[in-house]
């Protein structure tokens, strides 16, 4: 969960900088990719922890 929160914060910071700063639009796209990676991580981690509780 800690890694997920760090990834989301990094994505938000990159997104804000990319949207505000002129010429740094690529940071917005990197922020979006980091956010998607965080969601994938959360999905995979949630599935594993759910299986452990069923045993």
N, C-alpha and C. Protein backbone atom coordinates (compact mmCIF):
# COMPACT_ATOMS: atom_id res chain seq x y z
N UNK A 1 0.83 -1.19 0.00
CA UNK A 1 0.00 0.00 0.00
C UNK A 1 0.87 1.25 0.00
N UNK A 2 2.01 1.16 0.64
CA UNK A 2 2.91 2.31 0.71
C UNK A 2 3.44 2.66 -0.67
N UNK A 3 3.80 1.65 -1.45
CA UNK A 3 4.30 1.88 -2.81
C UNK A 3 3.21 2.49 -3.67
N UNK A 4 1.98 2.03 -3.52
CA UNK A 4 0.87 2.59 -4.29
C UNK A 4 0.70 4.08 -4.01
N UNK A 5 0.74 4.45 -2.75
CA UNK A 5 0.57 5.86 -2.40
C UNK A 5 1.72 6.72 -2.93
N UNK A 6 2.93 6.20 -2.87
CA UNK A 6 4.07 6.94 -3.41
C UNK A 6 3.92 7.12 -4.91
N UNK A 7 3.51 6.07 -5.61
CA UNK A 7 3.32 6.17 -7.06
C UNK A 7 2.22 7.17 -7.42
N UNK A 8 1.15 7.20 -6.66
CA UNK A 8 0.07 8.15 -6.94
C UNK A 8 0.54 9.58 -6.70
N UNK A 9 1.29 9.81 -5.64
CA UNK A 9 1.80 11.16 -5.36
C UNK A 9 2.76 11.60 -6.46
N UNK A 10 3.64 10.70 -6.89
CA UNK A 10 4.57 11.03 -7.98
C UNK A 10 3.80 11.35 -9.25
N UNK A 11 2.78 10.57 -9.54
CA UNK A 11 1.97 10.80 -10.74
C UNK A 11 1.28 12.16 -10.68
N UNK A 12 0.78 12.52 -9.51
CA UNK A 12 0.11 13.82 -9.37
C UNK A 12 1.09 14.97 -9.55
N UNK A 13 2.27 14.86 -8.96
CA UNK A 13 3.26 15.92 -9.08
C UNK A 13 3.71 16.08 -10.53
N UNK A 14 4.00 14.96 -11.19
CA UNK A 14 4.40 15.03 -12.60
C UNK A 14 3.29 15.59 -13.47
N UNK A 15 2.06 15.19 -13.18
CA UNK A 15 0.93 15.69 -13.95
C UNK A 15 0.73 17.19 -13.78
N UNK A 16 0.85 17.68 -12.57
CA UNK A 16 0.67 19.11 -12.33
C UNK A 16 1.79 19.91 -13.00
N UNK A 17 3.01 19.44 -12.84
CA UNK A 17 4.13 20.15 -13.48
C UNK A 17 3.99 20.11 -14.99
N UNK A 18 3.61 18.98 -15.53
CA UNK A 18 3.45 18.85 -16.98
C UNK A 18 2.32 19.70 -17.53
N UNK A 19 1.26 19.89 -16.75
CA UNK A 19 0.14 20.68 -17.22
C UNK A 19 0.41 22.18 -17.09
N UNK A 20 1.16 22.58 -16.09
CA UNK A 20 1.38 24.00 -15.82
C UNK A 20 2.58 24.55 -16.59
N UNK A 21 3.68 23.84 -16.58
CA UNK A 21 4.91 24.35 -17.19
C UNK A 21 4.82 24.25 -18.71
N UNK A 22 5.18 25.30 -19.35
CA UNK A 22 5.15 25.33 -20.81
C UNK A 22 6.32 24.52 -21.37
N UNK A 23 6.04 23.66 -22.31
CA UNK A 23 7.07 22.85 -22.93
C UNK A 23 7.38 21.55 -22.21
N UNK A 24 6.69 21.27 -21.12
CA UNK A 24 6.93 20.04 -20.37
C UNK A 24 5.69 19.13 -20.38
N UNK A 25 5.01 19.11 -21.51
CA UNK A 25 3.79 18.31 -21.62
C UNK A 25 4.10 16.81 -21.49
N UNK A 26 5.31 16.43 -21.84
CA UNK A 26 5.67 15.02 -21.73
C UNK A 26 5.61 14.54 -20.28
N UNK A 27 5.82 15.45 -19.32
CA UNK A 27 5.72 15.06 -17.91
C UNK A 27 4.29 14.67 -17.55
N UNK A 28 3.32 15.33 -18.18
CA UNK A 28 1.93 14.97 -17.95
C UNK A 28 1.68 13.54 -18.40
N UNK A 29 2.19 13.18 -19.55
CA UNK A 29 2.00 11.82 -20.05
C UNK A 29 2.75 10.79 -19.21
N UNK A 30 3.92 11.14 -18.72
CA UNK A 30 4.65 10.24 -17.82
C UNK A 30 3.87 10.07 -16.52
N UNK A 31 3.28 11.16 -16.02
CA UNK A 31 2.45 11.08 -14.82
C UNK A 31 1.26 10.18 -15.00
N UNK A 32 0.64 10.25 -16.18
CA UNK A 32 -0.50 9.37 -16.47
C UNK A 32 -0.04 7.91 -16.50
N UNK A 33 1.10 7.65 -17.11
CA UNK A 33 1.62 6.28 -17.16
C UNK A 33 1.96 5.75 -15.76
N UNK A 34 2.52 6.60 -14.92
CA UNK A 34 2.84 6.19 -13.55
C UNK A 34 1.55 5.89 -12.78
N UNK A 35 0.51 6.70 -13.01
CA UNK A 35 -0.76 6.46 -12.34
C UNK A 35 -1.37 5.13 -12.78
N UNK A 36 -1.31 4.84 -14.06
CA UNK A 36 -1.83 3.56 -14.57
C UNK A 36 -1.02 2.41 -13.98
N UNK A 37 0.30 2.58 -13.89
CA UNK A 37 1.14 1.54 -13.28
C UNK A 37 0.76 1.33 -11.81
N UNK A 38 0.43 2.40 -11.12
CA UNK A 38 0.02 2.28 -9.71
C UNK A 38 -1.29 1.51 -9.60
N UNK A 39 -2.21 1.77 -10.51
CA UNK A 39 -3.48 1.03 -10.49
C UNK A 39 -3.27 -0.45 -10.79
N UNK A 40 -2.39 -0.75 -11.74
CA UNK A 40 -2.08 -2.15 -12.05
C UNK A 40 -1.44 -2.82 -10.84
N UNK A 41 -0.52 -2.12 -10.19
CA UNK A 41 0.12 -2.66 -8.99
C UNK A 41 -0.91 -2.95 -7.90
N UNK A 42 -1.82 -2.00 -7.70
CA UNK A 42 -2.85 -2.20 -6.68
C UNK A 42 -3.74 -3.39 -7.03
N UNK A 43 -4.10 -3.51 -8.29
CA UNK A 43 -4.92 -4.63 -8.71
C UNK A 43 -4.24 -5.97 -8.51
N UNK A 44 -2.98 -6.05 -8.85
CA UNK A 44 -2.25 -7.31 -8.68
C UNK A 44 -2.02 -7.61 -7.21
N UNK A 45 -1.71 -6.60 -6.43
CA UNK A 45 -1.46 -6.81 -5.00
C UNK A 45 -2.75 -7.20 -4.29
N UNK A 46 -3.86 -6.60 -4.67
CA UNK A 46 -5.14 -6.92 -4.06
C UNK A 46 -5.58 -8.34 -4.35
N UNK A 47 -5.30 -8.81 -5.54
CA UNK A 47 -5.66 -10.19 -5.89
C UNK A 47 -4.86 -11.20 -5.08
N UNK A 48 -3.57 -10.93 -4.92
CA UNK A 48 -2.75 -11.86 -4.14
C UNK A 48 -3.17 -11.90 -2.70
N UNK A 49 -3.41 -10.74 -2.09
CA UNK A 49 -3.77 -10.73 -0.68
C UNK A 49 -5.16 -11.34 -0.48
N UNK A 50 -6.03 -11.22 -1.45
CA UNK A 50 -7.36 -11.83 -1.35
C UNK A 50 -7.30 -13.34 -1.36
N UNK A 51 -6.40 -13.89 -2.12
CA UNK A 51 -6.26 -15.35 -2.16
C UNK A 51 -5.69 -15.90 -0.87
N UNK A 52 -4.83 -15.16 -0.23
CA UNK A 52 -4.25 -15.63 1.03
C UNK A 52 -5.33 -15.76 2.11
N UNK A 53 -6.29 -14.85 2.12
CA UNK A 53 -7.31 -14.87 3.16
C UNK A 53 -8.32 -16.00 2.95
N UNK A 54 -8.44 -16.51 1.73
CA UNK A 54 -9.40 -17.57 1.47
C UNK A 54 -8.90 -18.92 1.95
N UNK A 55 -7.62 -19.07 2.12
CA UNK A 55 -7.06 -20.39 2.53
C UNK A 55 -7.29 -20.66 3.95
